[in-house]
C-alpha atoms as a PDB file:
ATOM      1  CA  MET A   1      44.284 -11.343 -38.958  1.00  0.00           C
ATOM      2  CA  ILE A   2      42.215 -14.181 -38.976  1.00  0.00           C
ATOM      3  CA  ARG A   3      42.545 -15.437 -34.956  1.00  0.00           C
ATOM      4  CA  ALA A   4      41.899 -11.333 -34.679  1.00  0.00           C
ATOM      5  CA  THR A   5      38.007 -10.844 -35.860  1.00  0.00           C
ATOM      6  CA  ARG A   6      37.521 -14.987 -34.504  1.00  0.00           C
ATOM      7  CA  TRP A   7      37.871 -13.337 -31.666  1.00  0.00           C
ATOM      8  CA  ILE A   8      35.768 -10.586 -31.475  1.00  0.00           C
ATOM      9  CA  ARG A   9      33.124 -12.736 -33.128  1.00  0.00           C
ATOM     10  CA  ILE A  10      33.529 -14.980 -30.259  1.00  0.00           C
ATOM     11  CA  VAL A  11      33.999 -13.243 -27.478  1.00  0.00           C
ATOM     12  CA  CYS A  12      32.967  -9.646 -28.373  1.00  0.00           C
ATOM     13  CA  LEU A  13      29.641 -10.048 -30.256  1.00  0.00           C
ATOM     14  CA  PRO A  14      28.399 -11.767 -27.345  1.00  0.00           C
ATOM     15  CA  VAL A  15      29.279  -9.399 -24.772  1.00  0.00           C
ATOM     16  CA  ALA A  16      28.505  -6.628 -26.916  1.00  0.00           C
ATOM     17  CA  LEU A  17      24.628  -8.538 -26.840  1.00  0.00           C
ATOM     18  CA  ALA A  18      24.508  -9.371 -23.379  1.00  0.00           C
ATOM     19  CA  ALA A  19      25.339  -5.554 -22.370  1.00  0.00           C
ATOM     20  CA  GLY A  20      22.165  -4.014 -24.961  1.00  0.00           C
ATOM     21  CA  MET A  21      19.945  -6.337 -23.145  1.00  0.00           C
ATOM     22  CA  LEU A  22      20.599  -5.109 -20.372  1.00  0.00           C
ATOM     23  CA  MET A  23      20.322  -1.450 -21.273  1.00  0.00           C
ATOM     24  CA  MET A  24      16.636  -2.503 -22.783  1.00  0.00           C
ATOM     25  CA  HIS A  25      15.519  -3.979 -19.396  1.00  0.00           C
ATOM     26  CA  ALA A  26      17.413  -0.639 -17.282  1.00  0.00           C
ATOM     27  CA  ASN A  27      15.006   1.155 -19.334  1.00  0.00           C
ATOM     28  CA  ALA A  28      11.958  -0.833 -19.255  1.00  0.00           C
ATOM     29  CA  GLN A  29      12.799  -0.587 -15.589  1.00  0.00           C
ATOM     30  CA  SER A  30      12.659   2.872 -15.538  1.00  0.00           C
ATOM     31  CA  SER A  31       9.760   3.473 -17.933  1.00  0.00           C
ATOM     32  CA  LYS A  32       7.467   1.267 -15.471  1.00  0.00           C
ATOM     33  CA  THR A  33       8.917   3.045 -12.314  1.00  0.00           C
ATOM     34  CA  ALA A  34       7.647   6.404 -13.848  1.00  0.00           C
ATOM     35  CA  ALA A  35       4.345   5.310 -14.737  1.00  0.00           C
ATOM     36  CA  ARG A  36       3.848   4.540 -11.148  1.00  0.00           C
ATOM     37  CA  THR A  37       5.453   7.958  -9.895  1.00  0.00           C
ATOM     38  CA  PRO A  38       2.349  10.612 -10.552  1.00  0.00           C
ATOM     39  CA  VAL A  39      -0.063   8.139  -9.088  1.00  0.00           C
ATOM     40  CA  ALA A  40       1.596   7.902  -5.487  1.00  0.00           C
ATOM     41  CA  ASN A  41       2.568  11.794  -5.341  1.00  0.00           C
ATOM     42  CA  SER A  42      -1.096  12.550  -6.835  1.00  0.00           C
ATOM     43  CA  THR A  43      -2.711  12.369  -2.656  1.00  0.00           C
ATOM     44  CA  PRO A  44      -1.752  14.976  -0.314  1.00  0.00           C
ATOM     45  CA  LYS A  45      -0.006  13.460   2.718  1.00  0.00           C
ATOM     46  CA  THR A  46      -2.082  16.587   4.811  1.00  0.00           C
ATOM     47  CA  ALA A  47      -5.314  14.476   3.402  1.00  0.00           C
ATOM     48  CA  ALA A  48      -4.563  11.306   4.659  1.00  0.00           C
ATOM     49  CA  ALA A  49      -4.475  13.151   8.406  1.00  0.00           C
ATOM     50  CA  THR A  50      -7.782  14.312   7.698  1.00  0.00           C
ATOM     51  CA  ASP A  51      -9.685  11.252   6.484  1.00  0.00           C
ATOM     52  CA  LEU A  52      -9.477   9.027   9.795  1.00  0.00           C
ATOM     53  CA  ILE A  53     -12.587   7.996  11.062  1.00  0.00           C
ATOM     54  CA  ASP A  54     -12.866   8.452  14.690  1.00  0.00           C
ATOM     55  CA  LEU A  55     -14.086   5.054  16.636  1.00  0.00           C
ATOM     56  CA  ASN A  56     -15.667   7.388  19.274  1.00  0.00           C
ATOM     57  CA  SER A  57     -17.525   9.866  17.507  1.00  0.00           C
ATOM     58  CA  ALA A  58     -18.384   8.122  14.320  1.00  0.00           C
ATOM     59  CA  SER A  59     -21.480   7.002  12.455  1.00  0.00           C
ATOM     60  CA  VAL A  60     -22.955   3.132  11.412  1.00  0.00           C
ATOM     61  CA  ASP A  61     -22.819   4.885   8.499  1.00  0.00           C
ATOM     62  CA  GLN A  62     -19.533   5.944   8.349  1.00  0.00           C
ATOM     63  CA  LEU A  63     -18.130   2.819   9.701  1.00  0.00           C
ATOM     64  CA  ARG A  64     -18.828   1.062   7.352  1.00  0.00           C
ATOM     65  CA  THR A  65     -17.583   2.363   4.464  1.00  0.00           C
ATOM     66  CA  LEU A  66     -14.523   1.027   6.076  1.00  0.00           C
ATOM     67  CA  PRO A  67     -13.172  -2.228   4.439  1.00  0.00           C
ATOM     68  CA  GLY A  68     -14.673  -5.800   6.686  1.00  0.00           C
ATOM     69  CA  VAL A  69     -16.834  -3.424   8.292  1.00  0.00           C
ATOM     70  CA  GLY A  70     -20.086  -4.330   7.821  1.00  0.00           C
ATOM     71  CA  ASP A  71     -23.818  -3.682   9.633  1.00  0.00           C
ATOM     72  CA  ALA A  72     -23.593  -5.775  12.589  1.00  0.00           C
ATOM     73  CA  TYR A  73     -18.905  -4.787  13.031  1.00  0.00           C
ATOM     74  CA  ALA A  74     -20.456  -1.577  13.221  1.00  0.00           C
ATOM     75  CA  GLN A  75     -23.012  -1.480  15.486  1.00  0.00           C
ATOM     76  CA  LYS A  76     -20.697  -3.437  17.757  1.00  0.00           C
ATOM     77  CA  ILE A  77     -18.152  -0.806  17.080  1.00  0.00           C
ATOM     78  CA  VAL A  78     -20.576   1.899  17.998  1.00  0.00           C
ATOM     79  CA  ASP A  79     -21.568  -0.520  21.746  1.00  0.00           C
ATOM     80  CA  GLY A  80     -17.973  -1.134  22.429  1.00  0.00           C
ATOM     81  CA  ARG A  81     -17.589   3.055  23.247  1.00  0.00           C
ATOM     82  CA  PRO A  82     -15.622   4.510  24.559  1.00  0.00           C
ATOM     83  CA  TYR A  83     -11.765   3.812  22.868  1.00  0.00           C
ATOM     84  CA  ALA A  84      -8.608   4.748  24.506  1.00  0.00           C
ATOM     85  CA  LYS A  85      -6.605   3.477  21.522  1.00  0.00           C
ATOM     86  CA  LYS A  86      -7.650   1.369  17.760  1.00  0.00           C
ATOM     87  CA  THR A  87      -6.377  -1.332  19.087  1.00  0.00           C
ATOM     88  CA  ASP A  88      -8.996  -1.775  21.414  1.00  0.00           C
ATOM     89  CA  LEU A  89     -11.368  -2.882  19.276  1.00  0.00           C
ATOM     90  CA  VAL A  90      -9.256  -6.040  18.675  1.00  0.00           C
ATOM     91  CA  THR A  91      -8.875  -6.392  22.598  1.00  0.00           C
ATOM     92  CA  LYS A  92     -12.351  -5.905  23.529  1.00  0.00           C
ATOM     93  CA  LYS A  93     -13.002  -8.650  20.674  1.00  0.00           C
ATOM     94  CA  ILE A  94     -15.471  -6.367  19.275  1.00  0.00           C
ATOM     95  CA  VAL A  95     -13.625  -6.952  14.885  1.00  0.00           C
ATOM     96  CA  PRO A  96     -11.199  -9.565  14.443  1.00  0.00           C
ATOM     97  CA  GLN A  97      -7.799  -9.306  13.986  1.00  0.00           C
ATOM     98  CA  ALA A  98      -7.757 -10.086  10.564  1.00  0.00           C
ATOM     99  CA  THR A  99     -10.464  -7.608   9.934  1.00  0.00           C
ATOM    100  CA  TYR A 100      -9.183  -5.076  11.552  1.00  0.00           C
ATOM    101  CA  LYS A 101      -5.921  -5.499   9.895  1.00  0.00           C
ATOM    102  CA  LYS A 102      -7.589  -4.557   6.676  1.00  0.00           C
ATOM    103  CA  PHE A 103      -9.035  -0.672   8.097  1.00  0.00           C
ATOM    104  CA  SER A 104      -7.131  -0.181  10.880  1.00  0.00           C
ATOM    105  CA  SER A 105      -4.508   2.695   9.410  1.00  0.00           C
ATOM    106  CA  MET A 106      -7.620   4.093   8.104  1.00  0.00           C
ATOM    107  CA  VAL A 107      -9.114   4.416  11.995  1.00  0.00           C
ATOM    108  CA  ILE A 108      -7.982   7.382  14.807  1.00  0.00           C
ATOM    109  CA  ALA A 109      -9.313   7.232  18.636  1.00  0.00           C
ATOM    110  CA  LYS A 110      -9.577  10.321  19.156  1.00  0.00           C
ATOM    111  CA  GLN A 111      -9.869  11.570  22.888  1.00  0.00           C
ATOM    112  CA  LYS A 112     -12.294  13.606  23.860  1.00  0.00           C
END
């Protein structure tokens, strides 16, 4: 009987504590995920397609709203028109690759 009690204290108690800690960690992780989910789902998917800035028709003011684009780059983009595809900004050396990466998901080069 004494051996059984000792065995419970030595083996079962640490296992139970570890299981409790894992459950607490899992609950904390699910709370963080649940807190982030509404923010990700709050933007409609159709808004992303309509909010793209067209490189071939945008004004200098619209281009300046892009991250990394100031007055000089905005004017260079306007002067380098037309663009067949948005990657022409880099191939024509209008903007550097690092700057292009900042806003590439926000622009499109529509054909007229």
